[in-house]
C-alpha cells in the first residue's frame, strides 16, 4: 500500500488533470488553448496520450460548439452508451436534449428492409429534428458516411459533428469524409475513439460552459 496516493474523492479529477498536464509538458506537447480542455478530457477518459496528437478541430470548433449548446442545440449519439454518458442535466440548462434512435423498433425495421445499418437510418431520423443538432458519433462509421452523403446531396446540414468512431472497417475513411466538409467538427484521426470519448467531448464542452458561467 506504500505506493497508494491518498486523494480526497472530490479532488481525484483535479489531480488526474494535473498529472495529464505534467505528462504533456514532459512530452513537449503544447495544446492550443481553445482545444486544451476537450483534448485533456479525452485523455482523462482513455488514459491515452495519442489523443494529444490525433484530435483534429475545424476553425474555432470549440467556440462554435459551445455557442450551439448555449442556443439550445440537441445532441444525437450513435449508441445508448454515449447517450448515457452525456451530462443531460447540464445540457438541459440551455434547453437542449440528448437523443439516440439506435434501439427504436422502427429504425431496426427500416434498416432491415433497406439492407443498411441502423446507424444510417438513425442519422436520417435525427435530420428531422427541427433545431440545430450536434452529432456525437463514437461507434458507427456508417453514421458519418450517411451524414456526409446528406451534406453532399444538400438534403441536410448538421450544425456540428463530433466524429470519433473506433474500429478497423471504414473508420478512418469515414472520418476523412467529414474532414472534407465545411461543417464544423471535432474528429479524432485514426482508428481510436469510442462512445466514451464521444460523451467525454460533449461533457468537456458542457463543463467549460458551466465553469465560464
C-alpha atoms as a PDB file:
ATOM      1  CA  UNK A   1       0.000   0.000   0.000  1.00  0.00           C
ATOM      2  CA  UNK A   2       3.040   2.277   0.266  1.00  0.00           C
ATOM      3  CA  UNK A   3       2.640   3.467  -3.375  1.00  0.00           C
ATOM      4  CA  UNK A   4      -1.044   4.318  -2.955  1.00  0.00           C
ATOM      5  CA  UNK A   5      -1.631   8.058  -3.014  1.00  0.00           C
ATOM      6  CA  UNK A   6      -4.384   9.316  -0.728  1.00  0.00           C
ATOM      7  CA  UNK A   7      -6.607  11.763  -2.596  1.00  0.00           C
ATOM      8  CA  UNK A   8      -9.946  13.055  -1.356  1.00  0.00           C
ATOM      9  CA  UNK A   9     -12.819  11.866  -3.600  1.00  0.00           C
ATOM     10  CA  UNK A  10     -13.669  15.446  -4.618  1.00  0.00           C
ATOM     11  CA  UNK A  11     -10.046  16.038  -5.682  1.00  0.00           C
ATOM     12  CA  UNK A  12      -9.470  12.918  -7.809  1.00  0.00           C
ATOM     13  CA  UNK A  13     -10.436  14.506 -11.131  1.00  0.00           C
ATOM     14  CA  UNK A  14      -8.445  17.655 -10.387  1.00  0.00           C
ATOM     15  CA  UNK A  15      -5.397  15.518  -9.525  1.00  0.00           C
ATOM     16  CA  UNK A  16      -5.846  13.495 -12.721  1.00  0.00           C
ATOM     17  CA  UNK A  17      -5.855  16.622 -14.865  1.00  0.00           C
ATOM     18  CA  UNK A  18      -2.745  17.885 -13.069  1.00  0.00           C
ATOM     19  CA  UNK A  19      -0.974  14.619 -13.938  1.00  0.00           C
ATOM     20  CA  UNK A  20      -2.112  14.899 -17.577  1.00  0.00           C
ATOM     21  CA  UNK A  21      -0.824  18.487 -17.775  1.00  0.00           C
ATOM     22  CA  UNK A  22       2.533  17.462 -16.285  1.00  0.00           C
ATOM     23  CA  UNK A  23       2.977  14.499 -18.630  1.00  0.00           C
ATOM     24  CA  UNK A  24       2.076  16.596 -21.687  1.00  0.00           C
ATOM     25  CA  UNK A  25       4.663  19.142 -20.601  1.00  0.00           C
ATOM     26  CA  UNK A  26       7.267  16.385 -20.174  1.00  0.00           C
ATOM     27  CA  UNK A  27       6.479  15.170 -23.698  1.00  0.00           C
ATOM     28  CA  UNK A  28       6.936  18.706 -25.024  1.00  0.00           C
ATOM     29  CA  UNK A  29       3.316  18.882 -26.186  1.00  0.00           C
ATOM     30  CA  UNK A  30       1.579  22.259 -26.026  1.00  0.00           C
ATOM     31  CA  UNK A  31      -2.129  22.077 -26.831  1.00  0.00           C
ATOM     32  CA  UNK A  32      -3.852  25.088 -28.443  1.00  0.00           C
ATOM     33  CA  UNK A  33      -5.665  26.994 -25.690  1.00  0.00           C
ATOM     34  CA  UNK A  34      -9.153  26.658 -27.168  1.00  0.00           C
ATOM     35  CA  UNK A  35      -8.772  22.891 -27.637  1.00  0.00           C
ATOM     36  CA  UNK A  36      -6.899  22.123 -24.425  1.00  0.00           C
ATOM     37  CA  UNK A  37      -9.708  21.091 -22.073  1.00  0.00           C
ATOM     38  CA  UNK A  38     -11.522  18.980 -24.672  1.00  0.00           C
ATOM     39  CA  UNK A  39      -8.381  17.053 -25.627  1.00  0.00           C
ATOM     40  CA  UNK A  40      -7.382  16.640 -21.988  1.00  0.00           C
ATOM     41  CA  UNK A  41     -10.812  15.177 -21.166  1.00  0.00           C
ATOM     42  CA  UNK A  42     -10.398  12.637 -23.990  1.00  0.00           C
ATOM     43  CA  UNK A  43      -7.039  11.691 -22.472  1.00  0.00           C
ATOM     44  CA  UNK A  44      -8.579  11.604 -18.988  1.00  0.00           C
ATOM     45  CA  UNK A  45     -11.297   9.224 -20.196  1.00  0.00           C
ATOM     46  CA  UNK A  46      -8.917   6.873 -22.009  1.00  0.00           C
ATOM     47  CA  UNK A  47      -5.502   7.324 -20.317  1.00  0.00           C
ATOM     48  CA  UNK A  48      -4.240   7.524 -23.910  1.00  0.00           C
ATOM     49  CA  UNK A  49      -1.919  10.405 -24.772  1.00  0.00           C
ATOM     50  CA  UNK A  50      -2.218   9.720 -28.516  1.00  0.00           C
ATOM     51  CA  UNK A  51      -5.289  11.976 -28.454  1.00  0.00           C
ATOM     52  CA  UNK A  52      -2.950  14.936 -27.974  1.00  0.00           C
ATOM     53  CA  UNK A  53      -1.661  14.262 -31.496  1.00  0.00           C
ATOM     54  CA  UNK A  54      -4.725  12.938 -33.327  1.00  0.00           C
ATOM     55  CA  UNK A  55      -7.618  15.134 -32.159  1.00  0.00           C
ATOM     56  CA  UNK A  56      -8.422  17.443 -35.081  1.00  0.00           C
ATOM     57  CA  UNK A  57     -10.524  20.591 -34.891  1.00  0.00           C
ATOM     58  CA  UNK A  58     -12.051  22.783 -37.577  1.00  0.00           C
ATOM     59  CA  UNK A  59     -11.512  26.533 -37.163  1.00  0.00           C
ATOM     60  CA  UNK A  60     -12.957  27.843 -33.883  1.00  0.00           C
ATOM     61  CA  UNK A  61     -14.653  24.453 -33.352  1.00  0.00           C
ATOM     62  CA  UNK A  62     -14.894  24.584 -29.558  1.00  0.00           C
ATOM     63  CA  UNK A  63     -16.319  28.104 -29.549  1.00  0.00           C
ATOM     64  CA  UNK A  64     -18.871  27.190 -32.225  1.00  0.00           C
ATOM     65  CA  UNK A  65     -19.976  24.043 -30.362  1.00  0.00           C
ATOM     66  CA  UNK A  66     -20.356  25.916 -27.083  1.00  0.00           C
ATOM     67  CA  UNK A  67     -22.418  28.640 -28.779  1.00  0.00           C
ATOM     68  CA  UNK A  68     -24.687  25.970 -30.280  1.00  0.00           C
ATOM     69  CA  UNK A  69     -25.236  24.434 -26.840  1.00  0.00           C
ATOM     70  CA  UNK A  70     -25.944  27.857 -25.345  1.00  0.00           C
ATOM     71  CA  UNK A  71     -28.575  28.410 -28.024  1.00  0.00           C
ATOM     72  CA  UNK A  72     -30.368  25.143 -27.193  1.00  0.00           C
ATOM     73  CA  UNK A  73     -28.931  22.657 -29.702  1.00  0.00           C
ATOM     74  CA  UNK A  74     -29.731  18.976 -29.197  1.00  0.00           C
ATOM     75  CA  UNK A  75     -27.132  16.197 -29.151  1.00  0.00           C
ATOM     76  CA  UNK A  76     -27.636  12.962 -31.100  1.00  0.00           C
ATOM     77  CA  UNK A  77     -25.425   9.950 -30.351  1.00  0.00           C
ATOM     78  CA  UNK A  78     -24.998   6.695 -32.263  1.00  0.00           C
ATOM     79  CA  UNK A  79     -25.040   4.486 -29.148  1.00  0.00           C
ATOM     80  CA  UNK A  80     -27.038   4.330 -25.945  1.00  0.00           C
ATOM     81  CA  UNK A  81     -23.700   4.078 -24.129  1.00  0.00           C
ATOM     82  CA  UNK A  82     -22.699   7.530 -25.350  1.00  0.00           C
ATOM     83  CA  UNK A  83     -26.189   8.809 -24.583  1.00  0.00           C
ATOM     84  CA  UNK A  84     -25.862   7.538 -21.010  1.00  0.00           C
ATOM     85  CA  UNK A  85     -22.509   9.294 -20.653  1.00  0.00           C
ATOM     86  CA  UNK A  86     -23.647  12.770 -21.745  1.00  0.00           C
ATOM     87  CA  UNK A  87     -24.463  15.070 -18.827  1.00  0.00           C
ATOM     88  CA  UNK A  88     -28.103  15.684 -19.736  1.00  0.00           C
ATOM     89  CA  UNK A  89     -28.714  17.863 -16.679  1.00  0.00           C
ATOM     90  CA  UNK A  90     -26.078  20.367 -17.855  1.00  0.00           C
ATOM     91  CA  UNK A  91     -27.412  20.229 -21.424  1.00  0.00           C
ATOM     92  CA  UNK A  92     -30.964  20.884 -20.223  1.00  0.00           C
ATOM     93  CA  UNK A  93     -29.867  24.174 -18.629  1.00  0.00           C
ATOM     94  CA  UNK A  94     -29.700  25.594 -22.153  1.00  0.00           C
ATOM     95  CA  UNK A  95     -32.862  23.915 -23.454  1.00  0.00           C
ATOM     96  CA  UNK A  96     -31.092  21.053 -25.221  1.00  0.00           C
ATOM     97  CA  UNK A  97     -31.902  17.338 -25.151  1.00  0.00           C
ATOM     98  CA  UNK A  98     -29.813  14.256 -25.941  1.00  0.00           C
ATOM     99  CA  UNK A  99     -31.166  11.502 -28.186  1.00  0.00           C
ATOM    100  CA  UNK A 100     -30.209   8.081 -29.508  1.00  0.00           C
ATOM    101  CA  UNK A 101     -32.503   6.376 -32.026  1.00  0.00           C
ATOM    102  CA  UNK A 102     -30.474   3.186 -32.490  1.00  0.00           C
ATOM    103  CA  UNK A 103     -32.673   0.903 -30.349  1.00  0.00           C
ATOM    104  CA  UNK A 104     -36.010   2.034 -31.773  1.00  0.00           C
ATOM    105  CA  UNK A 105     -38.058  -0.719 -33.451  1.00  0.00           C
ATOM    106  CA  UNK A 106     -38.942   1.497 -36.406  1.00  0.00           C
ATOM    107  CA  UNK A 107     -35.263   2.210 -37.071  1.00  0.00           C
ATOM    108  CA  UNK A 108     -34.401  -1.513 -36.961  1.00  0.00           C
ATOM    109  CA  UNK A 109     -37.324  -2.332 -39.284  1.00  0.00           C
ATOM    110  CA  UNK A 110     -36.377   0.276 -41.906  1.00  0.00           C
ATOM    111  CA  UNK A 111     -32.701  -0.729 -41.754  1.00  0.00           C
ATOM    112  CA  UNK A 112     -33.562  -4.394 -42.325  1.00  0.00           C
ATOM    113  CA  UNK A 113     -35.925  -3.606 -45.215  1.00  0.00           C
ATOM    114  CA  UNK A 114     -33.348  -1.435 -46.959  1.00  0.00           C
ATOM    115  CA  UNK A 115     -30.308  -3.566 -46.117  1.00  0.00           C
ATOM    116  CA  UNK A 116     -28.488  -0.696 -44.417  1.00  0.00           C
ATOM    117  CA  UNK A 117     -27.226  -0.134 -40.871  1.00  0.00           C
ATOM    118  CA  UNK A 118     -29.392   1.176 -38.056  1.00  0.00           C
ATOM    119  CA  UNK A 119     -26.818   3.928 -37.606  1.00  0.00           C
ATOM    120  CA  UNK A 120     -27.515   5.252 -41.119  1.00  0.00           C
ATOM    121  CA  UNK A 121     -31.290   5.218 -40.539  1.00  0.00           C
ATOM    122  CA  UNK A 122     -30.761   6.868 -37.146  1.00  0.00           C
ATOM    123  CA  UNK A 123     -28.974   9.769 -38.824  1.00  0.00           C
ATOM    124  CA  UNK A 124     -31.894  10.206 -41.234  1.00  0.00           C
ATOM    125  CA  UNK A 125     -34.283  10.305 -38.278  1.00  0.00           C
ATOM    126  CA  UNK A 126     -32.075  12.799 -36.432  1.00  0.00           C
ATOM    127  CA  UNK A 127     -32.152  15.051 -39.501  1.00  0.00           C
ATOM    128  CA  UNK A 128     -35.874  15.529 -38.865  1.00  0.00           C
ATOM    129  CA  UNK A 129     -35.229  17.301 -35.539  1.00  0.00           C
ATOM    130  CA  UNK A 130     -36.337  20.876 -36.117  1.00  0.00           C
ATOM    131  CA  UNK A 131     -33.446  22.607 -34.384  1.00  0.00           C
ATOM    132  CA  UNK A 132     -29.630  22.591 -34.651  1.00  0.00           C
ATOM    133  CA  UNK A 133     -28.110  19.199 -33.825  1.00  0.00           C
ATOM    134  CA  UNK A 134     -24.622  18.276 -32.614  1.00  0.00           C
ATOM    135  CA  UNK A 135     -23.859  14.707 -33.715  1.00  0.00           C
ATOM    136  CA  UNK A 136     -21.626  12.733 -31.338  1.00  0.00           C
ATOM    137  CA  UNK A 137     -20.528   9.605 -33.211  1.00  0.00           C
ATOM    138  CA  UNK A 138     -18.343   7.181 -31.247  1.00  0.00           C
ATOM    139  CA  UNK A 139     -19.060   3.805 -32.754  1.00  0.00           C
ATOM    140  CA  UNK A 140     -20.520   3.652 -36.257  1.00  0.00           C
ATOM    141  CA  UNK A 141     -18.547   4.889 -39.275  1.00  0.00           C
ATOM    142  CA  UNK A 142     -21.729   4.355 -41.326  1.00  0.00           C
ATOM    143  CA  UNK A 143     -23.302   7.191 -39.310  1.00  0.00           C
ATOM    144  CA  UNK A 144     -20.547   9.543 -40.509  1.00  0.00           C
ATOM    145  CA  UNK A 145     -20.872   8.239 -44.083  1.00  0.00           C
ATOM    146  CA  UNK A 146     -24.636   8.885 -44.028  1.00  0.00           C
ATOM    147  CA  UNK A 147     -24.111  12.401 -42.659  1.00  0.00           C
ATOM    148  CA  UNK A 148     -21.555  13.048 -45.410  1.00  0.00           C
ATOM    149  CA  UNK A 149     -23.977  11.835 -48.090  1.00  0.00           C
ATOM    150  CA  UNK A 150     -26.729  14.099 -46.737  1.00  0.00           C
ATOM    151  CA  UNK A 151     -24.362  17.083 -46.674  1.00  0.00           C
ATOM    152  CA  UNK A 152     -23.063  16.345 -50.181  1.00  0.00           C
ATOM    153  CA  UNK A 153     -26.563  15.986 -51.660  1.00  0.00           C
ATOM    154  CA  UNK A 154     -27.777  19.155 -49.955  1.00  0.00           C
ATOM    155  CA  UNK A 155     -30.525  17.262 -48.092  1.00  0.00           C
ATOM    156  CA  UNK A 156     -29.298  18.210 -44.637  1.00  0.00           C
ATOM    157  CA  UNK A 157     -26.507  20.113 -42.927  1.00  0.00           C
ATOM    158  CA  UNK A 158     -25.617  19.126 -39.353  1.00  0.00           C
ATOM    159  CA  UNK A 159     -24.778  22.022 -37.058  1.00  0.00           C
ATOM    160  CA  UNK A 160     -21.691  20.215 -35.746  1.00  0.00           C
ATOM    161  CA  UNK A 161     -20.077  16.758 -35.930  1.00  0.00           C
ATOM    162  CA  UNK A 162     -18.059  15.037 -33.223  1.00  0.00           C
ATOM    163  CA  UNK A 163     -16.607  12.113 -35.168  1.00  0.00           C
ATOM    164  CA  UNK A 164     -14.710   9.619 -33.045  1.00  0.00           C
ATOM    165  CA  UNK A 165     -15.830   6.120 -34.100  1.00  0.00           C
ATOM    166  CA  UNK A 166     -13.489   3.332 -33.079  1.00  0.00           C
ATOM    167  CA  UNK A 167     -12.513   0.266 -35.096  1.00  0.00           C
ATOM    168  CA  UNK A 168     -10.951  -1.165 -38.223  1.00  0.00           C
ATOM    169  CA  UNK A 169     -13.545  -1.179 -41.037  1.00  0.00           C
ATOM    170  CA  UNK A 170     -14.159   2.154 -42.816  1.00  0.00           C
ATOM    171  CA  UNK A 171     -13.380   4.097 -39.640  1.00  0.00           C
ATOM    172  CA  UNK A 172     -10.501   6.200 -40.959  1.00  0.00           C
ATOM    173  CA  UNK A 173     -12.128   6.701 -44.369  1.00  0.00           C
ATOM    174  CA  UNK A 174     -15.402   7.858 -42.772  1.00  0.00           C
ATOM    175  CA  UNK A 175     -13.568  10.387 -40.597  1.00  0.00           C
ATOM    176  CA  UNK A 176     -11.692  11.660 -43.661  1.00  0.00           C
ATOM    177  CA  UNK A 177     -15.012  12.328 -45.433  1.00  0.00           C
ATOM    178  CA  UNK A 178     -16.138  14.685 -42.651  1.00  0.00           C
ATOM    179  CA  UNK A 179     -12.772  16.472 -42.754  1.00  0.00           C
ATOM    180  CA  UNK A 180     -13.589  17.390 -46.374  1.00  0.00           C
ATOM    181  CA  UNK A 181     -16.871  19.134 -45.497  1.00  0.00           C
ATOM    182  CA  UNK A 182     -17.469  22.715 -44.373  1.00  0.00           C
ATOM    183  CA  UNK A 183     -19.407  21.542 -41.291  1.00  0.00           C
ATOM    184  CA  UNK A 184     -17.645  22.424 -38.005  1.00  0.00           C
ATOM    185  CA  UNK A 185     -16.137  19.311 -36.445  1.00  0.00           C
ATOM    186  CA  UNK A 186     -14.036  17.654 -33.795  1.00  0.00           C
ATOM    187  CA  UNK A 187     -12.565  14.481 -35.312  1.00  0.00           C
ATOM    188  CA  UNK A 188     -10.084  12.004 -33.901  1.00  0.00           C
ATOM    189  CA  UNK A 189      -7.971  10.839 -36.826  1.00  0.00           C
ATOM    190  CA  UNK A 190      -7.035   7.174 -36.936  1.00  0.00           C
ATOM    191  CA  UNK A 191      -8.675   4.074 -35.502  1.00  0.00           C
ATOM    192  CA  UNK A 192      -9.153   5.211 -31.926  1.00  0.00           C
ATOM    193  CA  UNK A 193     -12.292   6.644 -30.361  1.00  0.00           C
ATOM    194  CA  UNK A 194     -15.422   5.154 -28.854  1.00  0.00           C
ATOM    195  CA  UNK A 195     -18.707   6.008 -27.168  1.00  0.00           C
ATOM    196  CA  UNK A 196     -16.858   7.055 -24.015  1.00  0.00           C
ATOM    197  CA  UNK A 197     -14.756   9.539 -25.997  1.00  0.00           C
ATOM    198  CA  UNK A 198     -17.827  10.946 -27.785  1.00  0.00           C
ATOM    199  CA  UNK A 199     -19.541  11.514 -24.429  1.00  0.00           C
ATOM    200  CA  UNK A 200     -16.343  12.936 -22.905  1.00  0.00           C
ATOM    201  CA  UNK A 201     -16.073  15.551 -25.659  1.00  0.00           C
ATOM    202  CA  UNK A 202     -19.716  16.572 -25.159  1.00  0.00           C
ATOM    203  CA  UNK A 203     -19.144  16.855 -21.419  1.00  0.00           C
ATOM    204  CA  UNK A 204     -15.917  18.826 -21.864  1.00  0.00           C
ATOM    205  CA  UNK A 205     -17.920  21.431 -23.792  1.00  0.00           C
ATOM    206  CA  UNK A 206     -20.701  21.438 -21.184  1.00  0.00           C
ATOM    207  CA  UNK A 207     -18.267  21.736 -18.267  1.00  0.00           C
ATOM    208  CA  UNK A 208     -16.381  24.577 -19.932  1.00  0.00           C
ATOM    209  CA  UNK A 209     -19.671  26.456 -20.240  1.00  0.00           C
ATOM    210  CA  UNK A 210     -20.542  25.694 -16.634  1.00  0.00           C
ATOM    211  CA  UNK A 211     -17.183  26.963 -15.389  1.00  0.00           C
ATOM    212  CA  UNK A 212     -17.369  30.096 -17.552  1.00  0.00           C
ATOM    213  CA  UNK A 213     -20.774  30.892 -16.093  1.00  0.00           C
END
